[in-house]
Amino acid sequence: MSTKIYLDKERFTEQHKVLLENDNFTVTLFKYPSDVAAVKVQNSHGYLILLPFEGLMIWDAVFDGTNLKMKTPFTHPKKGEQIKESK
């Protein structure tokens, strides 16, 4: 069995919206104030926040109480024309 989820930029708003939910995972779509779309994938151990239109960059990761995010002075991601310009 395979599952495909098609993400359109129009689905992302500043209000968090559940895209998928089951016994193991919750997938939520939202947009940062900087207009960067994000997908939060969460399970019982923690979550990942991915930036699907910014090279699928991992913006945040917390598992079992440990923050795995790279240190950055930015509170939210910023848009860039190329992946090397995103922050």
N, C-alpha and C. Protein backbone atom coordinates (compact mmCIF):
# COMPACT_ATOMS: atom_id res chain seq x y z
N MET A 1 0.85 -1.18 0.00
CA MET A 1 0.00 0.00 0.00
C MET A 1 0.89 1.24 0.00
N SER A 2 0.56 2.19 -0.83
CA SER A 2 1.30 3.45 -0.83
C SER A 2 0.31 4.59 -0.62
N THR A 3 0.84 5.66 -0.11
CA THR A 3 0.02 6.85 0.15
C THR A 3 0.71 8.05 -0.46
N LYS A 4 -0.03 8.85 -1.18
CA LYS A 4 0.51 10.09 -1.75
C LYS A 4 -0.30 11.25 -1.19
N ILE A 5 0.40 12.29 -0.82
CA ILE A 5 -0.25 13.51 -0.35
C ILE A 5 0.26 14.63 -1.25
N TYR A 6 -0.65 15.33 -1.88
CA TYR A 6 -0.29 16.42 -2.78
C TYR A 6 -0.45 17.74 -2.04
N LEU A 7 0.65 18.47 -1.94
CA LEU A 7 0.64 19.72 -1.20
C LEU A 7 0.59 20.90 -2.16
N ASP A 8 -0.43 21.70 -2.04
CA ASP A 8 -0.55 22.93 -2.81
C ASP A 8 -0.28 24.10 -1.87
N LYS A 9 0.40 25.10 -2.36
CA LYS A 9 0.74 26.25 -1.51
C LYS A 9 -0.50 26.91 -0.91
N GLU A 10 -1.63 26.82 -1.60
CA GLU A 10 -2.85 27.45 -1.12
C GLU A 10 -3.39 26.81 0.16
N ARG A 11 -2.97 25.59 0.47
CA ARG A 11 -3.45 24.89 1.67
C ARG A 11 -2.82 25.44 2.95
N PHE A 12 -1.75 26.20 2.82
CA PHE A 12 -1.00 26.67 3.99
C PHE A 12 -1.48 28.06 4.39
N THR A 13 -1.91 28.18 5.65
CA THR A 13 -2.32 29.46 6.21
C THR A 13 -1.67 29.61 7.58
N GLU A 14 -1.79 30.78 8.17
CA GLU A 14 -1.21 30.96 9.50
C GLU A 14 -1.92 30.13 10.56
N GLN A 15 -3.15 29.72 10.27
CA GLN A 15 -3.88 28.84 11.18
C GLN A 15 -3.45 27.40 10.91
N HIS A 16 -3.09 26.66 11.94
CA HIS A 16 -2.68 25.27 11.79
C HIS A 16 -3.88 24.43 11.37
N LYS A 17 -3.69 23.57 10.34
CA LYS A 17 -4.75 22.69 9.84
C LYS A 17 -4.24 21.26 9.82
N VAL A 18 -5.00 20.36 10.39
CA VAL A 18 -4.62 18.94 10.37
C VAL A 18 -4.87 18.40 8.98
N LEU A 19 -3.83 17.81 8.40
CA LEU A 19 -3.91 17.20 7.08
C LEU A 19 -4.18 15.71 7.20
N LEU A 20 -3.52 15.07 8.17
CA LEU A 20 -3.63 13.62 8.34
C LEU A 20 -3.51 13.30 9.81
N GLU A 21 -4.32 12.35 10.25
CA GLU A 21 -4.26 11.94 11.65
C GLU A 21 -4.61 10.46 11.73
N ASN A 22 -3.80 9.72 12.46
CA ASN A 22 -4.12 8.32 12.74
C ASN A 22 -3.62 7.98 14.13
N ASP A 23 -3.57 6.70 14.48
CA ASP A 23 -3.14 6.31 15.82
C ASP A 23 -1.68 6.62 16.10
N ASN A 24 -0.89 6.79 15.04
CA ASN A 24 0.56 6.97 15.21
C ASN A 24 1.07 8.37 14.91
N PHE A 25 0.42 9.07 14.00
CA PHE A 25 0.93 10.36 13.54
C PHE A 25 -0.16 11.41 13.42
N THR A 26 0.26 12.66 13.55
CA THR A 26 -0.56 13.81 13.17
C THR A 26 0.30 14.68 12.26
N VAL A 27 -0.24 15.05 11.12
CA VAL A 27 0.46 15.92 10.18
C VAL A 27 -0.34 17.21 10.06
N THR A 28 0.30 18.33 10.35
CA THR A 28 -0.34 19.63 10.37
C THR A 28 0.34 20.56 9.38
N LEU A 29 -0.46 21.36 8.67
CA LEU A 29 0.05 22.37 7.74
C LEU A 29 -0.13 23.74 8.35
N PHE A 30 0.83 24.62 8.15
CA PHE A 30 0.70 26.01 8.57
C PHE A 30 1.71 26.87 7.83
N LYS A 31 1.64 28.16 8.03
CA LYS A 31 2.55 29.10 7.39
C LYS A 31 3.09 30.04 8.46
N TYR A 32 4.40 30.26 8.43
CA TYR A 32 5.03 31.21 9.35
C TYR A 32 4.68 32.64 8.94
N PRO A 33 4.82 33.62 9.85
CA PRO A 33 4.56 35.02 9.50
C PRO A 33 5.39 35.51 8.31
N SER A 34 6.51 34.85 8.04
CA SER A 34 7.35 35.22 6.90
C SER A 34 6.85 34.61 5.60
N ASP A 35 5.67 34.00 5.63
CA ASP A 35 5.02 33.40 4.46
C ASP A 35 5.68 32.10 4.01
N VAL A 36 6.45 31.46 4.86
CA VAL A 36 7.08 30.18 4.56
C VAL A 36 6.14 29.07 5.02
N ALA A 37 5.82 28.16 4.09
CA ALA A 37 4.94 27.03 4.38
C ALA A 37 5.69 25.98 5.20
N ALA A 38 4.97 25.33 6.13
CA ALA A 38 5.59 24.32 6.99
C ALA A 38 4.65 23.14 7.20
N VAL A 39 5.26 21.97 7.38
CA VAL A 39 4.53 20.75 7.70
C VAL A 39 5.09 20.22 9.01
N LYS A 40 4.21 20.01 9.99
CA LYS A 40 4.63 19.45 11.27
C LYS A 40 4.18 17.99 11.31
N VAL A 41 5.14 17.09 11.47
CA VAL A 41 4.86 15.66 11.58
C VAL A 41 5.14 15.27 13.02
N GLN A 42 4.11 14.80 13.72
CA GLN A 42 4.23 14.57 15.16
C GLN A 42 3.81 13.14 15.49
N ASN A 43 4.56 12.52 16.42
CA ASN A 43 4.14 11.24 16.98
C ASN A 43 4.30 11.31 18.50
N SER A 44 4.18 10.17 19.16
CA SER A 44 4.21 10.17 20.63
C SER A 44 5.59 10.53 21.19
N HIS A 45 6.62 10.51 20.38
CA HIS A 45 7.97 10.83 20.85
C HIS A 45 8.40 12.26 20.57
N GLY A 46 7.72 12.94 19.64
CA GLY A 46 8.13 14.30 19.32
C GLY A 46 7.64 14.73 17.96
N TYR A 47 8.37 15.65 17.36
CA TYR A 47 7.93 16.18 16.07
C TYR A 47 9.10 16.69 15.23
N LEU A 48 8.80 16.80 13.93
CA LEU A 48 9.66 17.47 12.95
C LEU A 48 8.85 18.57 12.31
N ILE A 49 9.47 19.69 12.01
CA ILE A 49 8.84 20.72 11.19
C ILE A 49 9.68 20.82 9.93
N LEU A 50 9.02 20.54 8.80
CA LEU A 50 9.67 20.53 7.49
C LEU A 50 9.17 21.70 6.67
N LEU A 51 10.04 22.21 5.81
CA LEU A 51 9.69 23.31 4.92
C LEU A 51 9.63 22.76 3.50
N PRO A 52 8.44 22.35 3.04
CA PRO A 52 8.33 21.61 1.78
C PRO A 52 8.73 22.39 0.54
N PHE A 53 8.60 23.70 0.55
CA PHE A 53 8.93 24.50 -0.63
C PHE A 53 10.26 25.23 -0.49
N GLU A 54 11.01 24.88 0.54
CA GLU A 54 12.34 25.46 0.79
C GLU A 54 13.34 24.30 0.84
N GLY A 55 13.28 23.43 -0.15
CA GLY A 55 14.21 22.31 -0.24
C GLY A 55 13.95 21.20 0.76
N LEU A 56 12.73 21.15 1.31
CA LEU A 56 12.34 20.18 2.34
C LEU A 56 13.27 20.25 3.55
N MET A 57 13.73 21.46 3.84
CA MET A 57 14.59 21.72 4.98
C MET A 57 13.89 21.31 6.28
N ILE A 58 14.64 20.74 7.21
CA ILE A 58 14.11 20.47 8.55
C ILE A 58 14.34 21.74 9.36
N TRP A 59 13.26 22.40 9.76
CA TRP A 59 13.38 23.64 10.51
C TRP A 59 13.49 23.38 12.01
N ASP A 60 12.79 22.37 12.49
CA ASP A 60 12.79 22.09 13.93
C ASP A 60 12.62 20.59 14.13
N ALA A 61 13.18 20.08 15.20
CA ALA A 61 13.05 18.67 15.55
C ALA A 61 13.19 18.52 17.06
N VAL A 62 12.20 17.91 17.69
CA VAL A 62 12.23 17.64 19.12
C VAL A 62 11.73 16.21 19.32
N PHE A 63 12.55 15.38 19.96
CA PHE A 63 12.16 14.01 20.23
C PHE A 63 12.57 13.62 21.64
N ASP A 64 11.66 12.98 22.34
CA ASP A 64 11.88 12.54 23.71
C ASP A 64 12.46 13.65 24.58
N GLY A 65 11.94 14.85 24.40
CA GLY A 65 12.33 15.99 25.22
C GLY A 65 13.65 16.64 24.83
N THR A 66 14.29 16.15 23.79
CA THR A 66 15.57 16.72 23.35
C THR A 66 15.36 17.54 22.08
N ASN A 67 15.74 18.82 22.15
CA ASN A 67 15.65 19.68 20.98
C ASN A 67 16.85 19.43 20.10
N LEU A 68 16.60 19.01 18.87
CA LEU A 68 17.67 18.67 17.93
C LEU A 68 17.90 19.76 16.90
N LYS A 69 17.25 20.88 17.08
CA LYS A 69 17.33 21.98 16.12
C LYS A 69 18.72 22.62 16.14
N MET A 70 19.18 22.97 14.94
CA MET A 70 20.43 23.71 14.84
C MET A 70 20.24 25.09 15.47
N LYS A 71 21.23 25.58 16.16
CA LYS A 71 21.15 26.91 16.77
C LYS A 71 21.07 27.97 15.67
N THR A 72 20.13 28.90 15.84
CA THR A 72 19.97 29.99 14.88
C THR A 72 19.40 31.20 15.60
N PRO A 73 19.76 32.40 15.18
CA PRO A 73 19.20 33.59 15.80
C PRO A 73 17.78 33.89 15.30
N PHE A 74 17.31 33.16 14.29
CA PHE A 74 16.00 33.43 13.69
C PHE A 74 14.90 32.70 14.43
N THR A 75 13.80 33.39 14.69
CA THR A 75 12.67 32.78 15.37
C THR A 75 11.78 32.00 14.42
N HIS A 76 11.85 32.33 13.14
CA HIS A 76 11.11 31.59 12.11
C HIS A 76 11.88 31.68 10.80
N PRO A 77 11.63 30.76 9.89
CA PRO A 77 12.39 30.76 8.63
C PRO A 77 12.04 31.95 7.76
N LYS A 78 12.99 32.32 6.93
CA LYS A 78 12.79 33.43 5.98
C LYS A 78 12.88 32.86 4.57
N LYS A 79 12.10 33.45 3.66
CA LYS A 79 12.09 33.00 2.27
C LYS A 79 13.38 33.38 1.57
N GLY A 80 13.79 32.53 0.63
CA GLY A 80 14.93 32.82 -0.21
C GLY A 80 14.61 32.39 -1.63
N GLU A 81 15.26 33.00 -2.60
CA GLU A 81 15.07 32.62 -3.99
C GLU A 81 15.70 31.27 -4.27
N GLN A 82 16.82 31.00 -3.61
CA GLN A 82 17.51 29.72 -3.75
C GLN A 82 17.66 29.13 -2.36
N ILE A 83 17.84 27.82 -2.29
CA ILE A 83 17.94 27.15 -0.99
C ILE A 83 19.05 27.74 -0.13
N LYS A 84 20.16 28.17 -0.74
CA LYS A 84 21.25 28.73 0.06
C LYS A 84 20.89 30.09 0.67
N GLU A 85 19.81 30.73 0.18
CA GLU A 85 19.38 32.02 0.71
C GLU A 85 18.36 31.87 1.83
N SER A 86 17.73 30.70 1.99
CA SER A 86 16.76 30.54 3.07
C SER A 86 17.49 30.43 4.40
N LYS A 87 16.83 30.91 5.43
CA LYS A 87 17.43 30.90 6.75
C LYS A 87 16.46 30.26 7.71
